[in-house]
Amino acid sequence: TQRIRECFAELGRRFSDLVTIGKEPGGAEIVADPIRNAIREAEQVLD
């Protein structure tokens, strides 16, 4: 469905953005909690 396609695409973009930030100096500490939250959200979507 379009809704699921959009959800997957949005989550993918969010993860990509967080990784980009995380690769900057000191960025991993900044994005650690948001990445954990995004992983939980992805798990809920997949569930």
All heavy atoms as atom14 arrays in JSON, in Angstrom:
{
  "sequence": "TQRIRECFAELGRRFSDLVTIGKEPGGAEIVADPIRNAIREAEQVLD",
  "atom14_mask": [
    [1, 1, 1, 1, 1, 1, 1, 0, 0, 0, 0, 0, 0, 0],
    [1, 1, 1, 1, 1, 1, 1, 1, 1, 0, 0, 0, 0, 0],
    [1, 1, 1, 1, 1, 1, 1, 1, 1, 1, 1, 0, 0, 0],
    [1, 1, 1, 1, 1, 1, 1, 1, 0, 0, 0, 0, 0, 0],
    [1, 1, 1, 1, 1, 1, 1, 1, 1, 1, 1, 0, 0, 0],
    [1, 1, 1, 1, 1, 1, 1, 1, 1, 0, 0, 0, 0, 0],
    [1, 1, 1, 1, 1, 1, 0, 0, 0, 0, 0, 0, 0, 0],
    [1, 1, 1, 1, 1, 1, 1, 1, 1, 1, 1, 0, 0, 0],
    [1, 1, 1, 1, 1, 0, 0, 0, 0, 0, 0, 0, 0, 0],
    [1, 1, 1, 1, 1, 1, 1, 1, 1, 0, 0, 0, 0, 0],
    [1, 1, 1, 1, 1, 1, 1, 1, 0, 0, 0, 0, 0, 0],
    [1, 1, 1, 1, 0, 0, 0, 0, 0, 0, 0, 0, 0, 0],
    [1, 1, 1, 1, 1, 1, 1, 1, 1, 1, 1, 0, 0, 0],
    [1, 1, 1, 1, 1, 1, 1, 1, 1, 1, 1, 0, 0, 0],
    [1, 1, 1, 1, 1, 1, 1, 1, 1, 1, 1, 0, 0, 0],
    [1, 1, 1, 1, 1, 1, 0, 0, 0, 0, 0, 0, 0, 0],
    [1, 1, 1, 1, 1, 1, 1, 1, 0, 0, 0, 0, 0, 0],
    [1, 1, 1, 1, 1, 1, 1, 1, 0, 0, 0, 0, 0, 0],
    [1, 1, 1, 1, 1, 1, 1, 0, 0, 0, 0, 0, 0, 0],
    [1, 1, 1, 1, 1, 1, 1, 0, 0, 0, 0, 0, 0, 0],
    [1, 1, 1, 1, 1, 1, 1, 1, 0, 0, 0, 0, 0, 0],
    [1, 1, 1, 1, 0, 0, 0, 0, 0, 0, 0, 0, 0, 0],
    [1, 1, 1, 1, 1, 1, 1, 1, 1, 0, 0, 0, 0, 0],
    [1, 1, 1, 1, 1, 1, 1, 1, 1, 0, 0, 0, 0, 0],
    [1, 1, 1, 1, 1, 1, 1, 0, 0, 0, 0, 0, 0, 0],
    [1, 1, 1, 1, 0, 0, 0, 0, 0, 0, 0, 0, 0, 0],
    [1, 1, 1, 1, 0, 0, 0, 0, 0, 0, 0, 0, 0, 0],
    [1, 1, 1, 1, 1, 0, 0, 0, 0, 0, 0, 0, 0, 0],
    [1, 1, 1, 1, 1, 1, 1, 1, 1, 0, 0, 0, 0, 0],
    [1, 1, 1, 1, 1, 1, 1, 1, 0, 0, 0, 0, 0, 0],
    [1, 1, 1, 1, 1, 1, 1, 0, 0, 0, 0, 0, 0, 0],
    [1, 1, 1, 1, 1, 0, 0, 0, 0, 0, 0, 0, 0, 0],
    [1, 1, 1, 1, 1, 1, 1, 1, 0, 0, 0, 0, 0, 0],
    [1, 1, 1, 1, 1, 1, 1, 0, 0, 0, 0, 0, 0, 0],
    [1, 1, 1, 1, 1, 1, 1, 1, 0, 0, 0, 0, 0, 0],
    [1, 1, 1, 1, 1, 1, 1, 1, 1, 1, 1, 0, 0, 0],
    [1, 1, 1, 1, 1, 1, 1, 1, 0, 0, 0, 0, 0, 0],
    [1, 1, 1, 1, 1, 0, 0, 0, 0, 0, 0, 0, 0, 0],
    [1, 1, 1, 1, 1, 1, 1, 1, 0, 0, 0, 0, 0, 0],
    [1, 1, 1, 1, 1, 1, 1, 1, 1, 1, 1, 0, 0, 0],
    [1, 1, 1, 1, 1, 1, 1, 1, 1, 0, 0, 0, 0, 0],
    [1, 1, 1, 1, 1, 0, 0, 0, 0, 0, 0, 0, 0, 0],
    [1, 1, 1, 1, 1, 1, 1, 1, 1, 0, 0, 0, 0, 0],
    [1, 1, 1, 1, 1, 1, 1, 1, 1, 0, 0, 0, 0, 0],
    [1, 1, 1, 1, 1, 1, 1, 0, 0, 0, 0, 0, 0, 0],
    [1, 1, 1, 1, 1, 1, 1, 1, 0, 0, 0, 0, 0, 0],
    [1, 1, 1, 1, 1, 1, 1, 1, 0, 0, 0, 0, 0, 0]
  ],
  "atom14_positions": [
    [[0.83, -1.21, 0.0], [0.0, 0.0, 0.0], [0.86, 1.25, 0.0], [2.01, 1.24, 0.44], [-0.93, 0.05, 1.24], [-0.12, 0.23, 2.41], [-1.76, -1.22, 1.37], [0.0, 0.0, 0.0], [0.0, 0.0, 0.0], [0.0, 0.0, 0.0], [0.0, 0.0, 0.0], [0.0, 0.0, 0.0], [0.0, 0.0, 0.0], [0.0, 0.0, 0.0]],
    [[0.28, 2.33, -0.49], [0.97, 3.63, -0.53], [1.35, 4.06, 0.88], [2.45, 4.58, 1.08], [0.06, 4.67, -1.2], [0.7, 6.03, -1.32], [1.85, 6.06, -2.31], [1.93, 5.23, -3.21], [2.74, 7.01, -2.14], [0.0, 0.0, 0.0], [0.0, 0.0, 0.0], [0.0, 0.0, 0.0], [0.0, 0.0, 0.0], [0.0, 0.0, 0.0]],
    [[0.49, 3.86, 1.83], [0.76, 4.27, 3.21], [2.0, 3.58, 3.75], [2.85, 4.2, 4.36], [-0.46, 3.97, 4.1], [-0.3, 4.43, 5.54], [-1.56, 4.16, 6.35], [-1.85, 2.75, 6.52], [-1.29, 1.96, 7.46], [-0.41, 2.45, 8.29], [-1.61, 0.7, 7.54], [0.0, 0.0, 0.0], [0.0, 0.0, 0.0], [0.0, 0.0, 0.0]],
    [[2.12, 2.29, 3.49], [3.28, 1.53, 3.98], [4.53, 1.93, 3.21], [5.6, 2.09, 3.8], [3.02, 0.02, 3.91], [1.87, -0.36, 4.85], [4.27, -0.76, 4.29], [1.37, -1.78, 4.69], [0.0, 0.0, 0.0], [0.0, 0.0, 0.0], [0.0, 0.0, 0.0], [0.0, 0.0, 0.0], [0.0, 0.0, 0.0], [0.0, 0.0, 0.0]],
    [[4.4, 2.15, 1.91], [5.55, 2.61, 1.11], [6.07, 3.93, 1.66], [7.28, 4.11, 1.83], [5.17, 2.76, -0.36], [5.03, 1.44, -1.1], [4.9, 1.65, -2.59], [3.67, 2.32, -2.98], [2.52, 1.72, -3.23], [2.41, 0.41, -3.11], [1.47, 2.42, -3.6], [0.0, 0.0, 0.0], [0.0, 0.0, 0.0], [0.0, 0.0, 0.0]],
    [[5.16, 4.86, 1.94], [5.56, 6.16, 2.47], [6.18, 6.03, 3.85], [7.16, 6.72, 4.16], [4.37, 7.1, 2.51], [3.91, 7.54, 1.13], [2.61, 8.31, 1.15], [1.99, 8.48, 2.24], [2.18, 8.75, 0.06], [0.0, 0.0, 0.0], [0.0, 0.0, 0.0], [0.0, 0.0, 0.0], [0.0, 0.0, 0.0], [0.0, 0.0, 0.0]],
    [[5.63, 5.17, 4.68], [6.16, 4.95, 6.02], [7.59, 4.41, 5.95], [8.49, 4.9, 6.64], [5.25, 4.0, 6.79], [5.8, 3.68, 8.48], [0.0, 0.0, 0.0], [0.0, 0.0, 0.0], [0.0, 0.0, 0.0], [0.0, 0.0, 0.0], [0.0, 0.0, 0.0], [0.0, 0.0, 0.0], [0.0, 0.0, 0.0], [0.0, 0.0, 0.0]],
    [[7.81, 3.4, 5.11], [9.15, 2.83, 4.95], [10.13, 3.88, 4.42], [11.26, 3.99, 4.9], [9.11, 1.64, 3.99], [8.86, 0.31, 4.65], [7.88, 0.16, 5.6], [9.63, -0.78, 4.31], [7.65, -1.07, 6.2], [9.41, -2.02, 4.9], [8.43, -2.16, 5.85], [0.0, 0.0, 0.0], [0.0, 0.0, 0.0], [0.0, 0.0, 0.0]],
    [[9.69, 4.64, 3.42], [10.57, 5.66, 2.84], [10.93, 6.72, 3.88], [12.09, 7.12, 3.98], [9.89, 6.3, 1.62], [0.0, 0.0, 0.0], [0.0, 0.0, 0.0], [0.0, 0.0, 0.0], [0.0, 0.0, 0.0], [0.0, 0.0, 0.0], [0.0, 0.0, 0.0], [0.0, 0.0, 0.0], [0.0, 0.0, 0.0], [0.0, 0.0, 0.0]],
    [[9.95, 7.16, 4.65], [10.2, 8.17, 5.69], [11.16, 7.64, 6.75], [12.09, 8.34, 7.16], [8.89, 8.63, 6.33], [9.06, 9.52, 7.54], [9.85, 10.79, 7.27], [9.78, 11.32, 6.14], [10.55, 11.26, 8.18], [0.0, 0.0, 0.0], [0.0, 0.0, 0.0], [0.0, 0.0, 0.0], [0.0, 0.0, 0.0], [0.0, 0.0, 0.0]],
    [[10.93, 6.42, 7.22], [11.84, 5.84, 8.21], [13.24, 5.7, 7.63], [14.23, 5.99, 8.32], [11.32, 4.48, 8.69], [10.27, 4.49, 9.77], [9.69, 3.09, 9.96], [10.85, 4.99, 11.08], [0.0, 0.0, 0.0], [0.0, 0.0, 0.0], [0.0, 0.0, 0.0], [0.0, 0.0, 0.0], [0.0, 0.0, 0.0], [0.0, 0.0, 0.0]],
    [[13.34, 5.29, 6.4], [14.65, 5.15, 5.75], [15.38, 6.48, 5.68], [16.57, 6.57, 5.97], [0.0, 0.0, 0.0], [0.0, 0.0, 0.0], [0.0, 0.0, 0.0], [0.0, 0.0, 0.0], [0.0, 0.0, 0.0], [0.0, 0.0, 0.0], [0.0, 0.0, 0.0], [0.0, 0.0, 0.0], [0.0, 0.0, 0.0], [0.0, 0.0, 0.0]],
    [[14.65, 7.54, 5.31], [15.25, 8.88, 5.26], [15.69, 9.33, 6.64], [16.76, 9.92, 6.8], [14.26, 9.89, 4.67], [14.17, 9.83, 3.15], [13.37, 10.99, 2.6], [11.99, 11.0, 3.05], [11.0, 10.34, 2.45], [11.23, 9.62, 1.39], [9.77, 10.41, 2.91], [0.0, 0.0, 0.0], [0.0, 0.0, 0.0], [0.0, 0.0, 0.0]],
    [[14.86, 9.05, 7.64], [15.21, 9.45, 9.0], [16.5, 8.76, 9.46], [17.39, 9.39, 10.02], [14.07, 9.14, 9.97], [14.3, 9.79, 11.31], [13.16, 9.67, 12.29], [11.86, 9.56, 11.69], [10.85, 8.91, 12.26], [11.01, 8.33, 13.42], [9.67, 8.85, 11.67], [0.0, 0.0, 0.0], [0.0, 0.0, 0.0], [0.0, 0.0, 0.0]],
    [[16.59, 7.45, 9.21], [17.81, 6.73, 9.57], [19.01, 7.31, 8.81], [20.07, 7.51, 9.4], [17.68, 5.23, 9.27], [17.06, 4.45, 10.38], [15.74, 4.04, 10.3], [17.78, 4.09, 11.5], [15.15, 3.3, 11.32], [17.22, 3.35, 12.54], [15.9, 2.95, 12.43], [0.0, 0.0, 0.0], [0.0, 0.0, 0.0], [0.0, 0.0, 0.0]],
    [[18.85, 7.58, 7.52], [19.95, 8.15, 6.73], [20.4, 9.49, 7.3], [21.61, 9.75, 7.4], [19.53, 8.33, 5.28], [19.35, 7.1, 4.65], [0.0, 0.0, 0.0], [0.0, 0.0, 0.0], [0.0, 0.0, 0.0], [0.0, 0.0, 0.0], [0.0, 0.0, 0.0], [0.0, 0.0, 0.0], [0.0, 0.0, 0.0], [0.0, 0.0, 0.0]],
    [[19.44, 10.33, 7.64], [19.78, 11.64, 8.23], [20.53, 11.48, 9.55], [21.51, 12.18, 9.8], [18.52, 12.47, 8.46], [17.87, 12.93, 7.16], [18.51, 12.82, 6.08], [16.7, 13.38, 7.22], [0.0, 0.0, 0.0], [0.0, 0.0, 0.0], [0.0, 0.0, 0.0], [0.0, 0.0, 0.0], [0.0, 0.0, 0.0], [0.0, 0.0, 0.0]],
    [[20.06, 10.55, 10.38], [20.72, 10.33, 11.67], [22.15, 9.8, 11.47], [23.07, 10.22, 12.18], [19.92, 9.36, 12.53], [18.59, 9.91, 13.06], [17.76, 8.79, 13.68], [18.83, 11.02, 14.08], [0.0, 0.0, 0.0], [0.0, 0.0, 0.0], [0.0, 0.0, 0.0], [0.0, 0.0, 0.0], [0.0, 0.0, 0.0], [0.0, 0.0, 0.0]],
    [[22.34, 8.92, 10.51], [23.68, 8.39, 10.24], [24.59, 9.52, 9.76], [25.75, 9.62, 10.19], [23.62, 7.24, 9.2], [25.01, 6.88, 8.71], [22.93, 6.02, 9.81], [0.0, 0.0, 0.0], [0.0, 0.0, 0.0], [0.0, 0.0, 0.0], [0.0, 0.0, 0.0], [0.0, 0.0, 0.0], [0.0, 0.0, 0.0], [0.0, 0.0, 0.0]],
    [[24.09, 10.38, 8.9], [24.89, 11.51, 8.41], [25.34, 12.37, 9.57], [26.52, 12.74, 9.66], [24.08, 12.34, 7.4], [23.74, 11.51, 6.29], [24.86, 13.54, 6.92], [0.0, 0.0, 0.0], [0.0, 0.0, 0.0], [0.0, 0.0, 0.0], [0.0, 0.0, 0.0], [0.0, 0.0, 0.0], [0.0, 0.0, 0.0], [0.0, 0.0, 0.0]],
    [[24.44, 12.69, 10.47], [24.78, 13.48, 11.66], [25.76, 12.71, 12.54], [26.73, 13.27, 13.05], [23.52, 13.87, 12.45], [22.64, 14.81, 11.63], [23.89, 14.5, 13.8], [21.25, 14.99, 12.19], [0.0, 0.0, 0.0], [0.0, 0.0, 0.0], [0.0, 0.0, 0.0], [0.0, 0.0, 0.0], [0.0, 0.0, 0.0], [0.0, 0.0, 0.0]],
    [[25.5, 11.43, 12.7], [26.32, 10.6, 13.58], [27.76, 10.47, 13.11], [28.66, 10.23, 13.92], [0.0, 0.0, 0.0], [0.0, 0.0, 0.0], [0.0, 0.0, 0.0], [0.0, 0.0, 0.0], [0.0, 0.0, 0.0], [0.0, 0.0, 0.0], [0.0, 0.0, 0.0], [0.0, 0.0, 0.0], [0.0, 0.0, 0.0], [0.0, 0.0, 0.0]],
    [[28.01, 10.61, 11.83], [29.37, 10.49, 11.3], [30.2, 11.74, 11.5], [31.41, 11.72, 11.31], [29.32, 10.11, 9.82], [28.87, 8.67, 9.61], [28.88, 8.3, 8.14], [28.51, 6.83, 7.96], [28.51, 6.44, 6.54], [0.0, 0.0, 0.0], [0.0, 0.0, 0.0], [0.0, 0.0, 0.0], [0.0, 0.0, 0.0], [0.0, 0.0, 0.0]],
    [[29.55, 12.83, 11.87], [30.28, 14.06, 12.15], [30.98, 13.94, 13.51], [30.54, 13.14, 14.35], [29.3, 15.25, 12.18], [28.66, 15.55, 10.84], [29.67, 15.97, 9.79], [30.59, 16.74, 10.12], [29.52, 15.53, 8.64], [0.0, 0.0, 0.0], [0.0, 0.0, 0.0], [0.0, 0.0, 0.0], [0.0, 0.0, 0.0], [0.0, 0.0, 0.0]],
    [[32.03, 14.7, 13.74], [32.72, 14.64, 15.05], [31.74, 14.89, 16.2], [31.01, 15.88, 16.2], [33.76, 15.76, 14.96], [34.01, 15.94, 13.49], [32.69, 15.65, 12.83], [0.0, 0.0, 0.0], [0.0, 0.0, 0.0], [0.0, 0.0, 0.0], [0.0, 0.0, 0.0], [0.0, 0.0, 0.0], [0.0, 0.0, 0.0], [0.0, 0.0, 0.0]],
    [[31.69, 13.96, 17.13], [30.79, 14.06, 18.28], [29.34, 13.74, 17.96], [28.5, 13.76, 18.85], [0.0, 0.0, 0.0], [0.0, 0.0, 0.0], [0.0, 0.0, 0.0], [0.0, 0.0, 0.0], [0.0, 0.0, 0.0], [0.0, 0.0, 0.0], [0.0, 0.0, 0.0], [0.0, 0.0, 0.0], [0.0, 0.0, 0.0], [0.0, 0.0, 0.0]],
    [[29.06, 13.45, 16.72], [27.67, 13.24, 16.3], [27.06, 11.96, 16.81], [25.84, 11.89, 17.04], [0.0, 0.0, 0.0], [0.0, 0.0, 0.0], [0.0, 0.0, 0.0], [0.0, 0.0, 0.0], [0.0, 0.0, 0.0], [0.0, 0.0, 0.0], [0.0, 0.0, 0.0], [0.0, 0.0, 0.0], [0.0, 0.0, 0.0], [0.0, 0.0, 0.0]],
    [[27.88, 10.91, 16.98], [27.34, 9.62, 17.42], [26.64, 9.74, 18.78], [25.59, 9.14, 18.99], [28.44, 8.57, 17.47], [0.0, 0.0, 0.0], [0.0, 0.0, 0.0], [0.0, 0.0, 0.0], [0.0, 0.0, 0.0], [0.0, 0.0, 0.0], [0.0, 0.0, 0.0], [0.0, 0.0, 0.0], [0.0, 0.0, 0.0], [0.0, 0.0, 0.0]],
    [[27.22, 10.53, 19.66], [26.59, 10.72, 20.97], [25.27, 11.46, 20.85], [24.31, 11.17, 21.57], [27.52, 11.49, 21.89], [28.74, 10.7, 22.31], [29.68, 11.49, 23.2], [29.25, 12.52, 23.76], [30.85, 11.1, 23.31], [0.0, 0.0, 0.0], [0.0, 0.0, 0.0], [0.0, 0.0, 0.0], [0.0, 0.0, 0.0], [0.0, 0.0, 0.0]],
    [[25.21, 12.39, 19.91], [24.0, 13.19, 19.71], [22.85, 12.33, 19.18], [21.71, 12.51, 19.58], [24.28, 14.37, 18.76], [25.26, 15.34, 19.42], [22.99, 15.08, 18.35], [25.82, 16.38, 18.47], [0.0, 0.0, 0.0], [0.0, 0.0, 0.0], [0.0, 0.0, 0.0], [0.0, 0.0, 0.0], [0.0, 0.0, 0.0], [0.0, 0.0, 0.0]],
    [[23.16, 11.41, 18.27], [22.1, 10.65, 17.61], [21.82, 9.29, 18.24], [20.92, 8.59, 17.79], [22.38, 10.46, 16.1], [22.43, 11.8, 15.39], [23.65, 9.66, 15.87], [0.0, 0.0, 0.0], [0.0, 0.0, 0.0], [0.0, 0.0, 0.0], [0.0, 0.0, 0.0], [0.0, 0.0, 0.0], [0.0, 0.0, 0.0], [0.0, 0.0, 0.0]],
    [[22.55, 8.92, 19.27], [22.37, 7.58, 19.86], [20.93, 7.36, 20.3], [20.32, 6.34, 19.93], [23.33, 7.39, 21.04], [0.0, 0.0, 0.0], [0.0, 0.0, 0.0], [0.0, 0.0, 0.0], [0.0, 0.0, 0.0], [0.0, 0.0, 0.0], [0.0, 0.0, 0.0], [0.0, 0.0, 0.0], [0.0, 0.0, 0.0], [0.0, 0.0, 0.0]],
    [[20.36, 8.26, 21.08], [18.97, 8.08, 21.53], [17.98, 8.16, 20.38], [17.08, 7.31, 20.29], [18.62, 9.09, 22.63], [19.23, 8.72, 23.97], [19.54, 7.52, 24.2], [19.4, 9.63, 24.8], [0.0, 0.0, 0.0], [0.0, 0.0, 0.0], [0.0, 0.0, 0.0], [0.0, 0.0, 0.0], [0.0, 0.0, 0.0], [0.0, 0.0, 0.0]],
    [[18.11, 9.15, 19.47], [17.18, 9.16, 18.34], [17.26, 7.89, 17.48], [16.24, 7.42, 16.97], [17.59, 10.39, 17.54], [18.18, 11.31, 18.56], [18.89, 10.39, 19.53], [0.0, 0.0, 0.0], [0.0, 0.0, 0.0], [0.0, 0.0, 0.0], [0.0, 0.0, 0.0], [0.0, 0.0, 0.0], [0.0, 0.0, 0.0], [0.0, 0.0, 0.0]],
    [[18.45, 7.3, 17.32], [18.57, 6.06, 16.57], [17.85, 4.94, 17.3], [17.12, 4.17, 16.7], [20.04, 5.71, 16.27], [20.58, 6.62, 15.17], [20.19, 4.24, 15.87], [22.06, 6.44, 14.86], [0.0, 0.0, 0.0], [0.0, 0.0, 0.0], [0.0, 0.0, 0.0], [0.0, 0.0, 0.0], [0.0, 0.0, 0.0], [0.0, 0.0, 0.0]],
    [[18.05, 4.86, 18.61], [17.34, 3.82, 19.38], [15.83, 3.99, 19.26], [15.09, 3.01, 19.11], [17.78, 3.86, 20.85], [19.12, 3.19, 21.09], [19.4, 3.0, 22.57], [19.88, 4.2, 23.23], [21.15, 4.61, 23.22], [22.06, 3.91, 22.56], [21.51, 5.7, 23.85], [0.0, 0.0, 0.0], [0.0, 0.0, 0.0], [0.0, 0.0, 0.0]],
    [[15.36, 5.23, 19.31], [13.92, 5.49, 19.16], [13.44, 5.1, 17.76], [12.35, 4.52, 17.61], [13.61, 6.96, 19.42], [13.82, 7.34, 20.86], [13.82, 6.51, 21.77], [14.05, 8.62, 21.1], [0.0, 0.0, 0.0], [0.0, 0.0, 0.0], [0.0, 0.0, 0.0], [0.0, 0.0, 0.0], [0.0, 0.0, 0.0], [0.0, 0.0, 0.0]],
    [[14.22, 5.4, 16.75], [13.84, 5.05, 15.38], [13.83, 3.53, 15.19], [12.97, 3.0, 14.48], [14.79, 5.72, 14.38], [0.0, 0.0, 0.0], [0.0, 0.0, 0.0], [0.0, 0.0, 0.0], [0.0, 0.0, 0.0], [0.0, 0.0, 0.0], [0.0, 0.0, 0.0], [0.0, 0.0, 0.0], [0.0, 0.0, 0.0], [0.0, 0.0, 0.0]],
    [[14.76, 2.84, 15.83], [14.77, 1.37, 15.75], [13.51, 0.81, 16.38], [12.87, -0.08, 15.81], [16.04, 0.79, 16.41], [17.26, 1.08, 15.53], [15.9, -0.71, 16.66], [18.59, 0.74, 16.17], [0.0, 0.0, 0.0], [0.0, 0.0, 0.0], [0.0, 0.0, 0.0], [0.0, 0.0, 0.0], [0.0, 0.0, 0.0], [0.0, 0.0, 0.0]],
    [[13.11, 1.35, 17.52], [11.85, 0.89, 18.15], [10.66, 1.15, 17.25], [9.77, 0.31, 17.1], [11.67, 1.56, 19.51], [12.44, 0.9, 20.63], [12.01, 1.41, 22.0], [12.44, 2.76, 22.27], [13.65, 3.1, 22.73], [14.53, 2.17, 22.98], [13.96, 4.36, 22.96], [0.0, 0.0, 0.0], [0.0, 0.0, 0.0], [0.0, 0.0, 0.0]],
    [[10.65, 2.32, 16.62], [9.54, 2.65, 15.71], [9.52, 1.7, 14.52], [8.46, 1.21, 14.12], [9.68, 4.09, 15.24], [8.5, 4.53, 14.39], [8.57, 5.99, 13.99], [9.36, 6.75, 14.56], [7.81, 6.35, 13.08], [0.0, 0.0, 0.0], [0.0, 0.0, 0.0], [0.0, 0.0, 0.0], [0.0, 0.0, 0.0], [0.0, 0.0, 0.0]],
    [[10.69, 1.41, 13.95], [10.76, 0.48, 12.82], [10.28, -0.91, 13.26], [9.56, -1.58, 12.51], [12.18, 0.42, 12.28], [0.0, 0.0, 0.0], [0.0, 0.0, 0.0], [0.0, 0.0, 0.0], [0.0, 0.0, 0.0], [0.0, 0.0, 0.0], [0.0, 0.0, 0.0], [0.0, 0.0, 0.0], [0.0, 0.0, 0.0], [0.0, 0.0, 0.0]],
    [[10.67, -1.34, 14.45], [10.2, -2.64, 14.96], [8.69, -2.67, 15.09], [8.05, -3.68, 14.77], [10.86, -2.94, 16.3], [12.33, -3.29, 16.19], [13.02, -3.39, 17.53], [12.46, -2.93, 18.56], [14.15, -3.91, 17.57], [0.0, 0.0, 0.0], [0.0, 0.0, 0.0], [0.0, 0.0, 0.0], [0.0, 0.0, 0.0], [0.0, 0.0, 0.0]],
    [[8.09, -1.57, 15.55], [6.64, -1.51, 15.69], [5.96, -1.58, 14.33], [4.95, -2.26, 14.17], [6.23, -0.24, 16.43], [6.59, -0.25, 17.89], [6.33, 1.09, 18.57], [6.13, 2.1, 17.91], [6.37, 1.1, 19.89], [0.0, 0.0, 0.0], [0.0, 0.0, 0.0], [0.0, 0.0, 0.0], [0.0, 0.0, 0.0], [0.0, 0.0, 0.0]],
    [[6.51, -0.87, 13.35], [5.94, -0.9, 12.0], [6.01, -2.32, 11.44], [5.03, -2.84, 10.89], [6.68, 0.1, 11.08], [6.3, -0.13, 9.61], [6.38, 1.53, 11.49], [0.0, 0.0, 0.0], [0.0, 0.0, 0.0], [0.0, 0.0, 0.0], [0.0, 0.0, 0.0], [0.0, 0.0, 0.0], [0.0, 0.0, 0.0], [0.0, 0.0, 0.0]],
    [[7.16, -2.94, 11.58], [7.32, -4.3, 11.06], [6.42, -5.28, 11.8], [5.83, -6.17, 11.19], [8.78, -4.73, 11.14], [9.72, -3.94, 10.24], [11.17, -4.31, 10.52], [9.38, -4.14, 8.78], [0.0, 0.0, 0.0], [0.0, 0.0, 0.0], [0.0, 0.0, 0.0], [0.0, 0.0, 0.0], [0.0, 0.0, 0.0], [0.0, 0.0, 0.0]],
    [[6.29, -5.11, 13.11], [5.4, -5.96, 13.88], [3.96, -5.81, 13.39], [3.23, -6.8, 13.25], [5.5, -5.63, 15.37], [4.74, -6.62, 16.23], [4.93, -7.84, 16.06], [3.95, -6.16, 17.1], [0.0, 0.0, 0.0], [0.0, 0.0, 0.0], [0.0, 0.0, 0.0], [0.0, 0.0, 0.0], [0.0, 0.0, 0.0], [0.0, 0.0, 0.0]]
  ]
}
